[in-house]
Amino acid sequence: METRASARNVKGSARKARLILARLPGLSVDQALALLRYVPSPHARDVSKVVLSAAANAENNLALDVDDLYVKRAFADEGVTVKRYKARSRGRASPRLRRHSHITVVLDEREG
């Protein structure tokens, strides 16, 4: 029985979130949270919130034991891109793209 949680429109690009999410599949919830605690990236905090939310969904909605859960899939999709412009020299402007992402974590129960 799998459960999922997602965070939408998280500030930060999906590419940077994918670097963190690539390490998670196959780890238990406790191992994933321990790993995320020591990752030197501000995006790791957002990912750990999603992992905790998915574990809470499994415990409260499906009555699963959190100790038996592992990360089945973790992925990030691109969200909205806010487009702004920054003034440059000689009356010109250059674009500033503020990217956002949608982070999704899928947990499943270990067999046995």
Protein backbone atom coordinates (compact mmCIF):
# COMPACT_ATOMS: atom_id res chain seq x y z
CA MET A 1 0.00 0.00 0.00
CA GLU A 2 1.67 3.19 -1.11
CA THR A 3 1.08 6.72 0.05
CA ARG A 4 2.31 10.05 -1.23
CA ALA A 5 2.76 13.66 -0.29
CA SER A 6 3.66 16.67 -2.36
CA ALA A 7 4.66 20.27 -1.87
CA ARG A 8 3.73 22.59 -4.68
CA ASN A 9 5.36 25.86 -5.70
CA VAL A 10 8.42 25.43 -3.49
CA LYS A 11 10.96 28.18 -4.07
CA GLY A 12 14.02 26.77 -5.84
CA SER A 13 14.60 25.08 -9.15
CA ALA A 14 13.55 21.50 -9.82
CA ARG A 15 17.07 20.70 -10.97
CA LYS A 16 18.55 21.47 -7.54
CA ALA A 17 15.81 19.52 -5.79
CA ARG A 18 16.43 16.49 -8.04
CA LEU A 19 20.06 16.36 -6.87
CA ILE A 20 18.80 15.72 -3.34
CA LEU A 21 15.86 13.49 -4.29
CA ALA A 22 18.08 11.13 -6.30
CA ARG A 23 19.62 9.83 -3.06
CA LEU A 24 16.35 8.86 -1.36
CA PRO A 25 14.75 5.87 -3.15
CA GLY A 26 15.27 2.63 -1.26
CA LEU A 27 15.94 4.27 2.11
CA SER A 28 13.66 3.89 5.11
CA VAL A 29 11.94 7.01 6.41
CA ASP A 30 14.36 7.30 9.35
CA GLN A 31 17.40 6.89 7.11
CA ALA A 32 16.06 9.45 4.62
CA LEU A 33 15.46 12.02 7.36
CA ALA A 34 18.91 11.41 8.85
CA LEU A 35 20.50 11.89 5.42
CA LEU A 36 18.53 15.07 4.73
CA ARG A 37 19.51 16.55 8.10
CA TYR A 38 23.16 16.71 7.02
CA VAL A 39 22.82 17.65 3.36
CA PRO A 40 24.29 21.16 2.97
CA SER A 41 21.48 22.57 0.86
CA PRO A 42 18.51 24.73 1.81
CA HIS A 43 16.29 22.54 -0.37
CA ALA A 44 16.87 19.55 1.93
CA ARG A 45 14.61 21.14 4.54
CA ASP A 46 11.71 21.32 2.09
CA VAL A 47 12.28 17.70 1.03
CA SER A 48 12.36 16.52 4.64
CA LYS A 49 9.02 18.23 5.27
CA VAL A 50 7.51 16.31 2.37
CA VAL A 51 8.94 13.00 3.66
CA LEU A 52 7.48 13.69 7.12
CA SER A 53 4.13 14.58 5.57
CA ALA A 54 4.03 11.35 3.56
CA ALA A 55 4.87 9.34 6.69
CA ALA A 56 2.08 11.11 8.60
CA ASN A 57 -0.35 10.41 5.76
CA ALA A 58 0.53 6.70 5.89
CA GLU A 59 0.16 6.55 9.65
CA ASN A 60 -3.09 8.49 9.98
CA ASN A 61 -4.97 7.67 6.77
CA LEU A 62 -3.88 4.08 6.10
CA ALA A 63 -2.90 2.93 9.62
CA LEU A 64 0.56 1.80 8.49
CA ASP A 65 3.57 1.48 10.78
CA VAL A 66 6.14 4.19 10.05
CA ASP A 67 9.04 1.82 10.83
CA ASP A 68 8.05 -0.42 7.89
CA LEU A 69 7.94 2.38 5.30
CA TYR A 70 10.57 3.16 2.70
CA VAL A 71 10.90 5.75 -0.06
CA LYS A 72 9.67 4.14 -3.25
CA ARG A 73 9.95 7.18 -5.53
CA ALA A 74 10.91 10.82 -5.09
CA PHE A 75 10.78 13.35 -7.90
CA ALA A 76 10.54 17.06 -8.61
CA ASP A 77 8.67 18.71 -11.45
CA GLU A 78 9.00 22.27 -12.63
CA GLY A 79 6.54 24.76 -11.20
CA VAL A 80 5.84 28.34 -12.16
CA THR A 81 8.63 30.63 -13.26
CA VAL A 82 8.32 34.23 -12.12
CA LYS A 83 9.93 36.51 -14.69
CA ARG A 84 11.52 39.74 -13.55
CA TYR A 85 14.07 42.08 -15.08
CA LYS A 86 17.21 43.58 -13.57
CA ALA A 87 18.62 46.90 -14.74
CA ARG A 88 21.99 46.69 -16.45
CA SER A 89 24.39 49.24 -17.80
CA ARG A 90 23.66 51.50 -20.79
CA GLY A 91 19.90 51.38 -20.29
CA ARG A 92 19.56 47.68 -20.87
CA ALA A 93 17.77 44.99 -18.86
CA SER A 94 18.49 41.32 -18.33
CA PRO A 95 15.91 38.72 -17.33
CA ARG A 96 15.83 37.12 -13.87
CA LEU A 97 13.98 33.83 -13.75
CA ARG A 98 12.79 32.83 -10.28
CA ARG A 99 12.04 29.17 -10.60
CA HIS A 100 9.76 27.06 -8.43
CA SER A 101 9.21 23.30 -8.21
CA HIS A 102 6.69 20.67 -7.18
CA ILE A 103 8.26 18.01 -4.91
CA THR A 104 6.58 14.59 -4.59
CA VAL A 105 7.58 11.67 -2.36
CA VAL A 106 5.95 8.22 -2.58
CA LEU A 107 6.32 5.81 0.34
CA ASP A 108 5.55 2.10 0.35
CA GLU A 109 5.46 -0.64 2.96
CA ARG A 110 8.26 -3.21 3.05
CA GLU A 111 7.26 -6.81 2.50
CA GLY A 112 8.17 -9.31 5.17
